[in-house]
Protein backbone atom coordinates (compact mmCIF):
# COMPACT_ATOMS: atom_id res chain seq x y z
CA MET A 1 76.96 129.74 166.45
CA GLN A 2 74.62 127.82 164.21
CA LYS A 3 77.41 125.33 163.42
CA ASN A 4 78.09 124.78 167.13
CA PHE A 5 74.39 124.19 167.69
CA GLN A 6 74.30 121.70 164.83
CA LYS A 7 77.32 119.83 166.25
CA LYS A 8 75.73 119.66 169.72
CA PHE A 9 72.46 118.48 168.17
CA VAL A 10 74.24 115.74 166.20
CA CYS A 11 76.12 114.59 169.33
CA LEU A 12 72.94 114.55 171.38
CA ALA A 13 71.10 112.63 168.68
CA ALA A 14 73.93 110.08 168.55
CA LEU A 15 73.84 109.59 172.32
CA ILE A 16 70.06 109.14 172.26
CA THR A 17 70.39 106.61 169.44
CA VAL A 18 73.00 104.60 171.37
CA PHE A 19 70.84 104.70 174.50
CA LEU A 20 67.72 103.58 172.69
CA PHE A 21 69.55 100.87 170.74
CA THR A 22 71.15 99.50 173.91
CA ASN A 23 67.88 99.35 175.83
CA VAL A 24 65.53 98.31 173.02
CA TYR A 25 67.75 95.59 171.64
CA ALA A 26 69.17 94.24 174.91
CA GLU A 27 68.21 90.61 175.35
CA THR A 28 66.06 89.99 178.41
CA ILE A 29 67.10 87.00 180.52
CA LEU A 30 64.63 85.85 183.16
CA VAL A 31 66.48 84.93 186.35
CA TYR A 32 64.73 83.15 189.21
CA GLY A 33 65.93 83.00 192.79
CA ASN A 34 64.57 81.42 195.96
CA VAL A 35 61.69 83.49 197.25
CA ASP A 36 62.72 83.92 200.89
CA LYS A 37 66.40 83.52 201.68
CA PRO A 38 67.63 86.63 203.48
CA PRO A 39 70.24 87.99 203.53
CA LYS A 40 70.82 86.53 200.05
CA GLN A 41 67.50 87.62 198.56
CA TRP A 42 63.99 88.49 199.69
CA THR A 43 60.97 90.65 198.82
CA GLU A 44 59.93 93.65 200.92
CA LYS A 45 56.23 94.29 201.60
CA ASP A 46 56.18 96.92 198.87
CA GLY A 47 57.53 94.38 196.36
CA THR A 48 61.09 95.68 196.33
CA LEU A 49 63.71 92.98 195.87
CA LYS A 50 66.62 93.14 198.29
CA GLY A 51 69.62 91.03 199.24
CA ILE A 52 73.22 90.19 198.45
CA TRP A 53 72.39 88.31 195.27
CA ILE A 54 69.98 91.02 194.08
CA ASP A 55 72.63 93.71 194.43
CA ILE A 56 75.32 91.58 192.80
CA MET A 57 73.06 90.81 189.84
CA LYS A 58 72.26 94.51 189.40
CA ALA A 59 75.94 95.44 189.60
CA VAL A 60 76.89 92.79 187.04
CA ASN A 61 74.04 93.91 184.79
CA SER A 62 75.43 97.45 184.81
CA GLU A 63 78.61 96.00 183.26
CA VAL A 64 76.81 93.84 180.68
CA LYS A 65 75.23 96.21 178.18
CA ASP A 66 73.48 93.86 175.75
CA ILE A 67 71.66 91.73 178.35
CA GLN A 68 68.92 92.79 180.73
CA PHE A 69 68.51 90.46 183.71
CA LYS A 70 64.89 90.36 184.85
CA ILE A 71 64.99 89.02 188.40
CA ASP A 72 62.03 87.25 189.98
CA LEU A 73 61.84 85.40 193.29
CA GLN A 74 59.79 82.21 193.30
CA PRO A 75 59.26 79.18 195.54
CA TRP A 76 62.41 77.15 195.00
CA LYS A 77 60.68 74.09 193.58
CA ARG A 78 59.08 76.19 190.84
CA ALA A 79 62.25 78.19 190.20
CA TYR A 80 64.42 75.08 189.92
CA LYS A 81 61.94 73.29 187.62
CA GLY A 82 61.88 76.30 185.31
CA GLY A 83 65.66 76.35 185.31
CA THR A 84 65.98 72.68 184.35
CA GLU A 85 63.45 73.18 181.54
CA GLY A 86 65.33 76.21 180.20
CA LYS A 87 62.51 78.66 180.95
CA ASN A 88 64.71 80.77 183.18
CA ALA A 89 68.25 81.11 184.50
CA LEU A 90 68.90 80.64 188.22
CA MET A 91 70.90 82.59 190.77
CA GLY A 92 72.27 81.16 194.00
CA LEU A 93 72.60 77.52 192.92
CA PHE A 94 75.05 75.19 194.62
CA TYR A 95 76.95 72.61 192.58
CA ASN A 96 76.62 68.87 192.67
CA GLU A 97 77.38 66.21 190.07
CA GLU A 98 73.77 65.80 188.95
CA ARG A 99 73.27 69.54 188.51
CA GLY A 100 76.56 69.77 186.65
CA LYS A 101 75.01 67.64 183.91
CA ILE A 102 72.05 70.00 183.59
CA PHE A 103 73.48 73.51 183.95
CA GLU A 104 76.25 75.71 182.65
CA TYR A 105 77.85 77.30 185.72
CA SER A 106 79.32 80.76 186.08
CA ASP A 107 82.46 81.55 188.01
CA PRO A 108 81.83 81.36 191.80
CA VAL A 109 79.66 84.30 192.85
CA LEU A 110 79.13 84.01 196.59
CA GLU A 111 80.95 81.91 199.18
CA GLU A 112 78.36 80.69 201.66
CA GLN A 113 78.95 79.14 205.05
CA VAL A 114 76.24 76.62 205.89
CA VAL A 115 75.79 76.42 209.68
CA ILE A 116 73.69 74.60 212.27
CA ALA A 117 71.73 76.70 214.77
CA VAL A 118 70.55 75.14 218.05
CA LYS A 119 68.62 76.35 221.08
CA LYS A 120 70.96 78.06 223.52
CA GLY A 121 71.89 75.55 226.24
CA ASN A 122 71.40 72.60 223.88
CA GLU A 123 74.77 72.85 222.11
CA PHE A 124 76.54 69.65 221.12
CA LYS A 125 79.86 68.72 219.56
CA PHE A 126 79.80 68.88 215.78
CA GLU A 127 82.99 67.94 213.97
CA ASN A 128 81.59 65.64 211.29
CA LEU A 129 78.25 64.31 210.08
CA GLU A 130 78.46 61.27 212.38
CA ASP A 131 77.95 63.70 215.29
CA LEU A 132 74.39 64.29 214.02
CA LYS A 133 73.43 60.64 214.47
CA GLY A 134 70.22 60.30 216.46
CA LYS A 135 69.38 63.99 216.10
CA THR A 136 66.56 65.61 214.13
CA ILE A 137 67.73 68.48 211.97
CA GLY A 138 65.48 70.88 210.08
CA ILE A 139 66.45 71.88 206.56
CA TYR A 140 64.98 73.90 203.72
CA ALA A 141 63.29 71.43 201.35
CA THR A 142 65.03 70.47 198.08
CA THR A 143 68.32 72.04 199.21
CA SER A 144 71.51 70.07 198.64
CA TYR A 145 74.34 70.28 201.18
CA GLY A 146 76.72 68.07 199.26
CA ILE A 147 77.22 64.41 198.44
CA ASP A 148 78.37 63.41 201.93
CA TRP A 149 75.30 65.00 203.51
CA GLU A 150 72.97 63.26 201.05
CA LYS A 151 74.63 59.89 201.73
CA ALA A 152 74.29 60.43 205.49
CA VAL A 153 70.57 61.20 205.08
CA ASP A 154 69.98 58.22 202.78
CA SER A 155 71.74 55.85 205.18
CA GLY A 156 69.77 57.13 208.16
CA VAL A 157 72.72 58.74 209.95
CA ILE A 158 70.92 62.09 209.83
CA ASN A 159 67.19 62.42 210.42
CA VAL A 160 65.98 65.52 208.57
CA GLN A 161 62.66 67.33 208.57
CA GLU A 162 62.08 69.51 205.52
CA ASP A 163 60.17 72.77 205.37
CA TYR A 164 59.79 75.91 203.29
CA ASP A 165 59.88 78.43 206.16
CA ASN A 166 63.22 79.38 207.71
CA ALA A 167 61.76 81.49 210.52
CA GLN A 168 59.29 78.76 211.49
CA ARG A 169 62.20 76.31 211.66
CA LEU A 170 63.75 78.54 214.32
CA VAL A 171 60.44 78.56 216.22
CA ARG A 172 60.51 74.76 216.27
CA ILE A 173 64.15 74.75 217.45
CA ALA A 174 63.28 77.16 220.26
CA ALA A 175 60.35 74.93 221.25
CA GLY A 176 62.60 71.85 221.43
CA LYS A 177 60.90 70.13 218.49
CA LEU A 178 64.15 70.07 216.52
CA ASP A 179 67.69 69.45 217.76
CA GLY A 180 68.93 72.02 215.29
CA GLY A 181 68.45 73.52 211.88
CA VAL A 182 70.61 74.29 208.86
CA PHE A 183 70.91 77.89 207.66
CA ASN A 184 73.02 79.86 205.22
CA PRO A 185 74.86 82.09 204.82
CA GLY A 186 76.04 81.80 208.40
CA ALA A 187 74.82 83.62 211.49
CA ALA A 188 73.70 86.57 209.34
CA ALA A 189 70.87 84.43 207.95
CA VAL A 190 69.73 83.35 211.43
CA LYS A 191 69.69 86.98 212.61
CA MET A 192 67.50 88.04 209.69
CA PHE A 193 65.06 85.16 210.11
CA CYS A 194 64.69 86.01 213.80
CA ARG A 195 63.38 89.43 212.77
CA GLN A 196 60.46 87.79 210.97
CA LYS A 197 58.85 86.48 214.17
CA GLU A 198 58.09 88.57 217.25
CA GLU A 199 58.70 85.61 219.55
CA LEU A 200 62.24 85.08 218.24
CA ASP A 201 65.49 86.69 219.34
CA PHE A 202 68.95 85.82 218.07
CA ASN A 203 70.17 85.44 221.66
CA MET A 204 67.89 82.40 222.00
CA PHE A 205 70.21 80.43 219.69
CA SER A 206 73.79 79.26 219.36
CA ILE A 207 75.65 78.60 216.12
CA LEU A 208 77.70 75.41 216.31
CA GLU A 209 81.38 76.16 215.93
CA ASN A 210 82.04 74.09 212.81
CA PRO A 211 79.98 74.72 209.66
CA VAL A 212 78.31 71.90 207.74
CA LEU A 213 80.31 73.16 204.78
CA SER A 214 81.56 76.28 203.09
CA ARG A 215 80.66 76.34 199.43
CA ASN A 216 80.12 78.65 196.50
CA SER A 217 76.83 79.52 194.88
CA TYR A 218 76.57 80.33 191.19
CA PHE A 219 74.59 81.87 188.35
CA VAL A 220 73.50 79.07 185.98
CA ILE A 221 71.57 78.43 182.80
CA ALA A 222 70.42 75.13 181.28
CA LYS A 223 72.90 73.42 178.95
CA SER A 224 69.98 72.53 176.67
CA LEU A 225 69.78 76.21 175.63
CA ASN A 226 73.39 76.20 174.37
CA ARG A 227 74.00 79.69 175.78
CA LYS A 228 77.55 79.63 177.08
CA ASP A 229 77.76 83.18 175.75
CA ILE A 230 75.48 84.38 178.56
CA ILE A 231 77.70 82.73 181.17
CA GLU A 232 80.79 84.29 179.58
CA LYS A 233 79.22 87.77 179.62
CA PHE A 234 78.12 87.28 183.22
CA ASN A 235 81.64 86.21 184.22
CA ASN A 236 83.16 89.28 182.54
CA GLY A 237 80.68 91.52 184.33
CA LEU A 238 81.40 89.85 187.67
CA LYS A 239 85.14 90.35 187.22
CA ALA A 240 84.58 94.04 186.54
CA VAL A 241 82.38 94.43 189.62
CA LYS A 242 85.02 92.75 191.79
CA ALA A 243 87.83 94.83 190.32
CA SER A 244 85.93 98.05 191.03
CA GLY A 245 85.48 97.21 194.72
CA LYS A 246 81.68 97.24 194.39
CA TYR A 247 81.44 93.52 195.08
CA GLN A 248 83.10 93.78 198.49
CA GLU A 249 80.95 96.82 199.33
CA ILE A 250 77.83 94.72 198.74
CA ILE A 251 79.08 91.82 200.88
CA ASP A 252 80.11 94.11 203.73
CA SER A 253 76.82 96.01 203.70
CA TYR A 254 74.88 92.82 204.52
CA LEU A 255 77.18 90.53 206.46
CA LYS A 256 78.73 93.09 208.79
């Protein structure tokens, strides 16, 4: 009986050692995301982080044993600056050529449909960016919607008004101060922003039939840090989460 006890004690001690080693020596990676982008990520009043990206990051982290992702939501300008300087990784970043020179990109994490919401009754045909000529469109500041969009803005085809408040953009659309506003991912984002203002209701708006674009968002880290190993571990974790079915469970729980 004493031998059995000793064996159990040795096994328990080994398990505790593995647990402590894994947690004490796991490398902490600070990951910033945009502070208020439901359903992708947001902060509840009690400080709890919620959203598609939050749940995906947690699921990936459960598959990556020697890294601990510490997630923090910040104003995008601050988050992005920290990312470019190598102070933190970023989640939810779109790709463009300029950013491709700065960041190492993971495999695609989330496919996002970028849509235009308008006041119900004020719908207009939208098949290409030329259809936005003469209209004023609200967008979230510092967000890139692709090279073609940026060229259309620079050439004056699209008149944009930037802000840092998605719900307030909807208020301005409802008041007729904007012809429309850009939101992502899809109608799900508009529904969640409507819940932030008592005067808003999703039925006050229409989503134009064609999206501005459908594109992937990524987990990234600055190339200056020379940490492709982190991206590789993230990719392996993401593959495991997708293979297990957990990834689709997360998507469905928010977008349906």
